[in-house]
Amino acid sequence: MSAGGLTVVDGTQLRSLSHPLALPISDGSTVTGAQLLDFAENEASSSLFGLSLPQNLKSTALKHIAGSEDDVTFRIKEFDRDHASRLASDYITAIADELKDDPLVVSVLDGNTLKLFLEDEDDFAMLAENLFTDLDTEDKGKVHFLFILNCDVHILDVLGFLLCLYADQKSPAKKWVLSSMFACKVPGDVREILDQVKLPLGLLEFPQLNDILKKHGAEGEEELGQAQFAELLQQVLQDIADALAEKHIIIIQNIKIINGSKLRMLLADEKQLNGVIEKMLKEKKNLEGDRMSTTIIRGFLEKNWKDIGLPPSEANEAVVLLYDAVFADTDNSKNVVETEDEFREHVKDILEKFAEQLDANPVYHDFEN
């Protein structure tokens, strides 16, 4: 699923893999745990744009098939091929289940957006002219096409920002971004934007870049006029786009999708749910006066949102509206409840409404905040 230049990896792609998985042909009659895990992870990665699966995801999925065995013990253990095939399938299913409950948000750099940008000759010509003017600080009519690998900003950090977040051809950020690439510095406003979108400097590796620069003589110290600069810029970016088309680069974004899955697990676990309600009741008793139950519950949920599986109420306006809608939908007659049993039912009703709303309209939240 894609949205706004980002792709949501929720395990759907993995469920189309055949079950049980057919292991590679081998002379051996047995397969080690390490071999079946490597095979399953490669199959999963191939179905997910070549994404390298996060270690915490793999560790959690492994627990589903290894039982009480630790990672090392499972990896050295030997299985007959049929058993190994079933375990590999179960492992991928466990990964898919984990992604369903806790999806990843990724950016896929495949060169397509950059190619569309380069195909717009007028737009590119104007941008190249503006870049040249910005770089020609001494007004000499010539600039260095500096060796980008020595820059403070990695070219793909900036390209990722450009391609994934500013696909709009008219975006003024394009000038800032590309200027920072070729001037080997990060203007303050670009650094601020990069910080906001959590795209760390030096995040990506792009080994083809050195060859591309050498191919076009872009790593030298020769000064270029405006026409030469524009031509070289276009050639370098075109080759980068081609390289990305051949081998995509995947960036896992620091974004959490809150879709109600954690909240539904809480509702299904009576012991855990009762523990949460007991904390609310304790807080209710400690508060003075006759504050309405709904007010107490909302305050508790806004304070303990992360543990319960809710988005923070201050995340954005949409989340504020979500909280308002859920509590507005609560029967006014339940604002003040007489017994603990009534209070418990009131809490469950509110949490179920949140789960229903989040399932229909998941919330995207920067999980570092």
Protein backbone atom coordinates (compact mmCIF):
# COMPACT_ATOMS: atom_id res chain seq x y z
CA MET A 1 0.00 0.00 0.00
CA SER A 2 1.37 3.46 -0.93
CA ALA A 3 0.54 6.91 0.33
CA GLY A 4 2.11 10.30 -0.29
CA GLY A 5 5.41 8.93 -1.68
CA LEU A 6 5.63 6.39 1.14
CA THR A 7 4.86 2.67 1.07
CA VAL A 8 3.27 0.78 3.93
CA VAL A 9 4.66 -2.73 4.42
CA ASP A 10 1.94 -4.61 6.28
CA GLY A 11 2.77 -8.21 5.36
CA THR A 12 0.20 -8.48 2.56
CA GLN A 13 2.91 -9.17 -0.02
CA LEU A 14 4.23 -12.14 1.97
CA ARG A 15 0.91 -13.96 2.12
CA SER A 16 1.05 -14.61 -1.62
CA LEU A 17 4.14 -16.82 -1.25
CA SER A 18 3.53 -20.53 -1.75
CA HIS A 19 3.03 -22.71 1.33
CA PRO A 20 4.97 -24.72 2.15
CA LEU A 21 8.02 -23.04 0.59
CA ALA A 22 10.05 -25.17 -1.78
CA LEU A 23 13.61 -25.26 -0.46
CA PRO A 24 16.54 -25.00 -2.91
CA ILE A 25 17.66 -28.29 -4.40
CA SER A 26 20.43 -29.82 -2.32
CA ASP A 27 22.29 -33.10 -2.01
CA GLY A 28 21.78 -33.13 1.75
CA SER A 29 18.79 -34.76 3.41
CA THR A 30 18.76 -32.28 6.27
CA VAL A 31 18.74 -28.50 6.63
CA THR A 32 20.09 -26.48 9.53
CA GLY A 33 18.02 -23.83 11.25
CA ALA A 34 20.43 -21.17 10.01
CA GLN A 35 19.97 -22.31 6.41
CA LEU A 36 16.17 -22.33 6.55
CA LEU A 37 16.12 -18.88 8.18
CA ASP A 38 18.46 -17.42 5.57
CA PHE A 39 16.34 -18.89 2.79
CA ALA A 40 13.06 -17.64 4.29
CA GLU A 41 14.46 -14.16 4.94
CA ASN A 42 15.74 -13.91 1.35
CA GLU A 43 12.32 -14.95 0.04
CA ALA A 44 10.61 -12.37 2.26
CA SER A 45 13.06 -9.64 1.27
CA SER A 46 12.54 -10.36 -2.43
CA SER A 47 8.80 -9.91 -1.97
CA LEU A 48 9.32 -6.61 -0.10
CA PHE A 49 11.28 -4.59 -2.70
CA GLY A 50 14.59 -6.03 -1.45
CA LEU A 51 14.02 -4.63 2.03
CA SER A 52 16.42 -5.85 4.72
CA LEU A 53 14.18 -7.03 7.53
CA PRO A 54 14.79 -5.28 10.88
CA GLN A 55 16.44 -7.50 13.48
CA ASN A 56 13.68 -7.00 16.05
CA LEU A 57 11.10 -8.19 13.50
CA LYS A 58 13.10 -11.32 12.73
CA SER A 59 13.70 -12.05 16.40
CA THR A 60 10.01 -11.79 17.26
CA ALA A 61 9.00 -14.00 14.31
CA LEU A 62 11.62 -16.60 15.24
CA LYS A 63 10.06 -17.03 18.68
CA HIS A 64 6.88 -18.25 16.98
CA ILE A 65 8.66 -21.22 15.38
CA ALA A 66 11.54 -21.88 17.80
CA GLY A 67 9.37 -22.20 20.89
CA SER A 68 11.53 -22.29 24.00
CA GLU A 69 14.78 -22.73 22.04
CA ASP A 70 17.12 -19.77 21.85
CA ASP A 71 18.43 -18.36 18.59
CA VAL A 72 21.79 -20.15 18.70
CA THR A 73 20.28 -23.54 19.51
CA PHE A 74 17.72 -23.26 16.72
CA ARG A 75 20.32 -22.25 14.14
CA ILE A 76 22.58 -25.26 14.73
CA LYS A 77 19.71 -27.73 14.90
CA GLU A 78 19.09 -29.98 11.86
CA PHE A 79 15.68 -30.69 10.30
CA ASP A 80 14.55 -33.00 7.55
CA ARG A 81 13.68 -31.10 4.38
CA ASP A 82 9.89 -31.41 4.71
CA HIS A 83 9.96 -30.13 8.28
CA ALA A 84 12.35 -27.32 7.31
CA SER A 85 10.06 -26.31 4.46
CA ARG A 86 7.09 -26.03 6.80
CA LEU A 87 9.13 -24.08 9.36
CA ALA A 88 10.32 -21.64 6.68
CA SER A 89 6.71 -21.04 5.66
CA ASP A 90 5.64 -20.60 9.29
CA TYR A 91 8.49 -18.15 9.80
CA ILE A 92 7.36 -15.99 6.87
CA THR A 93 3.76 -16.17 8.10
CA ALA A 94 4.94 -14.98 11.53
CA ILE A 95 6.76 -12.06 9.88
CA ALA A 96 3.59 -11.19 7.95
CA ASP A 97 1.52 -11.33 11.14
CA GLU A 98 3.96 -9.04 12.94
CA LEU A 99 3.88 -6.57 10.05
CA LYS A 100 0.09 -6.62 10.06
CA ASP A 101 0.07 -5.59 13.73
CA ASP A 102 3.01 -3.20 13.42
CA PRO A 103 3.53 -2.12 9.78
CA LEU A 104 6.71 -0.50 8.47
CA VAL A 105 6.66 2.72 6.49
CA VAL A 106 9.33 2.82 3.77
CA SER A 107 10.46 5.01 0.92
CA VAL A 108 11.36 3.14 -2.26
CA LEU A 109 13.93 5.00 -4.37
CA ASP A 110 13.49 3.53 -7.85
CA GLY A 111 14.53 6.50 -10.01
CA ASN A 112 11.08 7.03 -11.55
CA THR A 113 10.36 10.40 -9.94
CA LEU A 114 13.83 11.67 -10.77
CA LYS A 115 13.37 10.61 -14.42
CA LEU A 116 10.07 12.46 -14.63
CA PHE A 117 11.79 15.51 -13.20
CA LEU A 118 14.61 15.31 -15.76
CA GLU A 119 12.16 14.88 -18.64
CA ASP A 120 10.67 18.31 -17.94
CA GLU A 121 13.24 20.30 -19.93
CA ASP A 122 11.94 23.76 -19.04
CA ASP A 123 11.74 23.02 -15.34
CA PHE A 124 15.18 21.42 -15.30
CA ALA A 125 16.76 24.27 -17.27
CA MET A 126 15.35 26.82 -14.85
CA LEU A 127 16.55 24.83 -11.85
CA ALA A 128 20.04 24.37 -13.32
CA GLU A 129 20.24 28.10 -13.95
CA ASN A 130 19.16 28.91 -10.41
CA LEU A 131 21.65 26.41 -8.99
CA PHE A 132 24.47 27.83 -11.05
CA THR A 133 23.62 31.34 -9.89
CA ASP A 134 23.57 30.22 -6.25
CA LEU A 135 26.95 28.48 -6.57
CA ASP A 136 28.61 31.31 -8.48
CA THR A 137 29.04 33.39 -5.32
CA GLU A 138 31.94 35.37 -6.81
CA ASP A 139 29.97 36.17 -9.97
CA LYS A 140 32.73 34.77 -12.20
CA GLY A 141 30.43 32.94 -14.58
CA LYS A 142 32.12 29.64 -13.68
CA VAL A 143 31.75 27.11 -10.84
CA HIS A 144 33.33 23.87 -9.65
CA PHE A 145 31.27 20.70 -10.01
CA LEU A 146 32.61 19.55 -6.67
CA PHE A 147 33.47 15.95 -5.77
CA ILE A 148 30.24 14.98 -4.01
CA LEU A 149 31.67 12.08 -2.04
CA ASN A 150 33.65 14.57 0.03
CA CYS A 151 30.51 16.50 0.93
CA ASP A 152 29.01 16.66 4.39
CA VAL A 153 25.69 15.58 2.85
CA HIS A 154 25.39 12.20 1.20
CA ILE A 155 23.82 12.63 -2.22
CA LEU A 156 21.17 9.99 -1.62
CA ASP A 157 20.07 11.48 1.66
CA VAL A 158 19.16 14.56 -0.28
CA LEU A 159 17.78 12.60 -3.23
CA GLY A 160 15.64 10.56 -0.86
CA PHE A 161 14.27 13.74 0.60
CA LEU A 162 13.71 15.16 -2.87
CA LEU A 163 12.13 12.07 -4.42
CA CYS A 164 9.98 10.91 -1.54
CA LEU A 165 8.80 14.11 0.02
CA TYR A 166 8.97 16.80 -2.65
CA ALA A 167 7.76 15.11 -5.83
CA ASP A 168 5.87 18.32 -6.72
CA GLN A 169 7.76 19.78 -9.69
CA LYS A 170 7.18 23.33 -8.46
CA SER A 171 8.49 22.82 -4.95
CA PRO A 172 11.03 25.53 -3.99
CA ALA A 173 12.68 22.96 -1.73
CA LYS A 174 14.08 21.36 -4.88
CA LYS A 175 16.47 24.25 -5.35
CA TRP A 176 17.66 24.11 -1.74
CA VAL A 177 18.11 20.34 -1.88
CA LEU A 178 20.06 20.15 -5.12
CA SER A 179 22.09 23.19 -4.19
CA SER A 180 23.19 21.47 -0.99
CA MET A 181 24.24 18.44 -3.06
CA PHE A 182 26.58 20.33 -5.28
CA ALA A 183 27.77 23.03 -2.90
CA CYS A 184 28.70 20.36 -0.34
CA LYS A 185 26.91 22.08 2.47
CA VAL A 186 23.48 22.03 4.06
CA PRO A 187 21.71 25.40 4.14
CA GLY A 188 20.01 25.96 7.47
CA ASP A 189 16.49 25.60 6.09
CA VAL A 190 17.32 22.30 4.37
CA ARG A 191 18.96 20.90 7.50
CA GLU A 192 15.87 21.88 9.47
CA ILE A 193 13.58 20.09 6.99
CA LEU A 194 15.80 16.99 6.96
CA ASP A 195 15.70 16.93 10.76
CA GLN A 196 11.92 17.19 10.69
CA VAL A 197 11.52 14.22 8.33
CA LYS A 198 14.15 12.20 10.27
CA LEU A 199 16.31 11.37 7.24
CA PRO A 200 19.74 11.14 8.90
CA LEU A 201 22.83 12.37 7.09
CA GLY A 202 25.04 9.53 5.89
CA LEU A 203 22.15 7.06 6.07
CA LEU A 204 22.56 5.50 2.67
CA GLU A 205 25.33 3.89 0.68
CA PHE A 206 25.44 4.24 -3.09
CA PRO A 207 28.67 2.63 -4.37
CA GLN A 208 27.82 3.38 -8.02
CA LEU A 209 28.14 7.10 -7.38
CA ASN A 210 31.94 7.17 -7.60
CA ASP A 211 31.87 5.41 -10.98
CA ILE A 212 29.18 7.76 -12.27
CA LEU A 213 31.20 10.81 -11.29
CA LYS A 214 34.37 9.42 -12.87
CA LYS A 215 32.49 8.49 -16.03
CA HIS A 216 31.49 12.11 -16.56
CA GLY A 217 34.68 13.68 -15.20
CA ALA A 218 32.68 15.26 -12.41
CA GLU A 219 35.22 14.58 -9.68
CA GLY A 220 37.79 17.05 -11.00
CA GLU A 221 38.51 20.65 -10.13
CA GLU A 222 37.70 22.08 -13.56
CA GLU A 223 35.53 25.17 -13.52
CA LEU A 224 32.42 24.98 -15.68
CA GLY A 225 30.29 27.58 -17.39
CA GLN A 226 26.53 27.58 -16.98
CA ALA A 227 25.77 25.43 -20.05
CA GLN A 228 28.50 22.90 -19.17
CA PHE A 229 27.27 22.73 -15.57
CA ALA A 230 23.66 22.08 -16.63
CA GLU A 231 24.72 19.36 -19.08
CA LEU A 232 26.91 17.59 -16.53
CA LEU A 233 24.24 17.87 -13.84
CA GLN A 234 21.68 16.25 -16.13
CA GLN A 235 24.04 13.42 -17.12
CA VAL A 236 24.95 12.59 -13.52
CA LEU A 237 21.35 12.65 -12.29
CA GLN A 238 20.20 10.56 -15.28
CA ASP A 239 22.77 7.88 -14.48
CA ILE A 240 21.77 7.94 -10.82
CA ALA A 241 18.13 7.46 -11.85
CA ASP A 242 19.12 4.52 -14.08
CA ALA A 243 21.15 2.94 -11.27
CA LEU A 244 18.22 3.28 -8.86
CA ALA A 245 15.88 1.72 -11.44
CA GLU A 246 18.21 -1.28 -11.66
CA LYS A 247 18.61 -1.64 -7.91
CA HIS A 248 16.13 0.11 -5.66
CA ILE A 249 17.13 1.60 -2.35
CA ILE A 250 14.75 1.22 0.57
CA ILE A 251 14.61 3.65 3.48
CA ILE A 252 12.69 2.61 6.58
CA GLN A 253 11.04 5.76 7.89
CA ASN A 254 10.78 6.55 11.59
CA ILE A 255 7.01 6.49 11.39
CA LYS A 256 4.66 4.40 13.47
CA ILE A 257 1.29 3.36 12.08
CA ILE A 258 -1.26 3.18 14.89
CA ASN A 259 -4.03 1.01 13.49
CA GLY A 260 -5.68 -0.26 16.66
CA SER A 261 -3.95 -3.66 16.65
CA LYS A 262 -2.26 -3.14 20.04
CA LEU A 263 -5.52 -1.82 21.45
CA ARG A 264 -7.42 -4.87 20.19
CA MET A 265 -4.88 -7.15 21.85
CA LEU A 266 -5.43 -5.26 25.09
CA LEU A 267 -9.18 -5.70 24.81
CA ALA A 268 -8.73 -9.42 24.17
CA ASP A 269 -6.48 -9.89 27.22
CA GLU A 270 -8.84 -9.70 30.19
CA LYS A 271 -6.06 -9.70 32.79
CA GLN A 272 -4.17 -6.86 31.12
CA LEU A 273 -7.37 -4.90 30.49
CA ASN A 274 -8.43 -5.24 34.13
CA GLY A 275 -5.02 -3.95 35.17
CA VAL A 276 -5.50 -0.81 33.09
CA ILE A 277 -9.02 -0.26 34.44
CA GLU A 278 -7.80 -0.72 38.02
CA LYS A 279 -5.30 2.09 37.45
CA MET A 280 -8.12 4.29 36.15
CA LEU A 281 -10.28 3.47 39.17
CA LYS A 282 -7.41 4.31 41.51
CA GLU A 283 -6.92 7.62 39.75
CA LYS A 284 -10.67 8.27 39.89
CA LYS A 285 -10.73 7.74 43.66
CA ASN A 286 -7.72 10.01 44.17
CA LEU A 287 -9.34 12.91 42.32
CA GLU A 288 -11.34 15.30 44.38
CA GLY A 289 -14.86 16.50 43.63
CA ASP A 290 -17.37 14.95 41.30
CA ARG A 291 -15.46 15.11 38.03
CA MET A 292 -17.25 13.26 35.26
CA SER A 293 -16.07 9.73 34.49
CA THR A 294 -15.55 10.60 30.84
CA THR A 295 -13.18 13.42 31.79
CA ILE A 296 -11.18 11.10 34.03
CA ILE A 297 -10.96 8.38 31.37
CA ARG A 298 -9.90 10.80 28.65
CA GLY A 299 -7.21 12.30 30.86
CA PHE A 300 -5.85 8.84 31.67
CA LEU A 301 -5.81 7.78 28.01
CA GLU A 302 -4.09 10.98 26.89
CA LYS A 303 -1.43 10.47 29.57
CA ASN A 304 -0.89 6.72 28.96
CA TRP A 305 -1.52 6.58 25.19
CA LYS A 306 1.66 4.68 24.29
CA ASP A 307 1.09 1.75 26.68
CA ILE A 308 -2.52 1.39 25.59
CA GLY A 309 -1.91 1.59 21.84
CA LEU A 310 -3.38 5.01 21.07
CA PRO A 311 -1.88 7.95 19.20
CA PRO A 312 -0.83 10.94 21.32
CA SER A 313 -3.67 13.42 21.46
CA GLU A 314 -1.34 16.31 20.63
CA ALA A 315 0.12 14.63 17.50
CA ASN A 316 -1.95 16.65 15.05
CA GLU A 317 -5.39 18.10 14.49
CA ALA A 318 -6.74 14.85 13.06
CA VAL A 319 -5.91 13.00 16.29
CA VAL A 320 -7.56 15.70 18.38
CA LEU A 321 -10.68 15.25 16.24
CA LEU A 322 -10.43 11.47 16.75
CA TYR A 323 -10.48 11.85 20.53
CA ASP A 324 -13.32 14.37 20.31
CA ALA A 325 -15.35 12.07 18.05
CA VAL A 326 -14.94 9.01 20.28
CA PHE A 327 -15.90 10.82 23.44
CA ALA A 328 -18.71 12.73 21.75
CA ASP A 329 -20.08 9.38 20.62
CA THR A 330 -20.21 8.19 24.22
CA ASP A 331 -23.66 8.29 25.75
CA ASN A 332 -23.94 11.45 27.89
CA SER A 333 -25.76 9.45 30.52
CA LYS A 334 -22.51 7.62 31.20
CA ASN A 335 -20.63 10.76 32.11
CA VAL A 336 -21.20 9.96 35.77
CA VAL A 337 -21.30 6.29 36.74
CA GLU A 338 -22.41 4.88 40.06
CA THR A 339 -20.63 1.53 40.31
CA GLU A 340 -17.24 0.07 39.39
CA ASP A 341 -18.90 -2.39 37.02
CA GLU A 342 -20.53 0.50 35.16
CA PHE A 343 -17.17 2.26 35.01
CA ARG A 344 -15.49 -0.86 33.57
CA GLU A 345 -18.13 -1.17 30.84
CA HIS A 346 -17.77 2.52 30.11
CA VAL A 347 -13.99 2.14 29.61
CA LYS A 348 -14.42 -0.92 27.36
CA ASP A 349 -16.98 0.92 25.27
CA ILE A 350 -14.60 3.84 24.74
CA LEU A 351 -11.61 1.61 23.91
CA GLU A 352 -13.68 -0.41 21.43
CA LYS A 353 -14.71 2.81 19.68
CA PHE A 354 -11.05 3.86 19.44
CA ALA A 355 -10.12 0.44 18.00
CA GLU A 356 -12.89 0.68 15.43
CA GLN A 357 -11.89 4.20 14.35
CA LEU A 358 -8.17 3.38 14.12
CA ASP A 359 -8.86 0.24 12.11
CA ALA A 360 -10.80 2.32 9.58
CA ASN A 361 -8.42 5.31 9.64
CA PRO A 362 -4.91 4.47 10.91
CA VAL A 363 -2.80 7.31 12.31
CA TYR A 364 0.77 7.95 11.19
CA HIS A 365 3.02 9.15 14.01
CA ASP A 366 6.74 9.84 14.33
CA PHE A 367 7.65 7.17 16.89
CA GLU A 368 10.69 9.11 18.15
CA ASN A 369 8.40 11.74 19.62
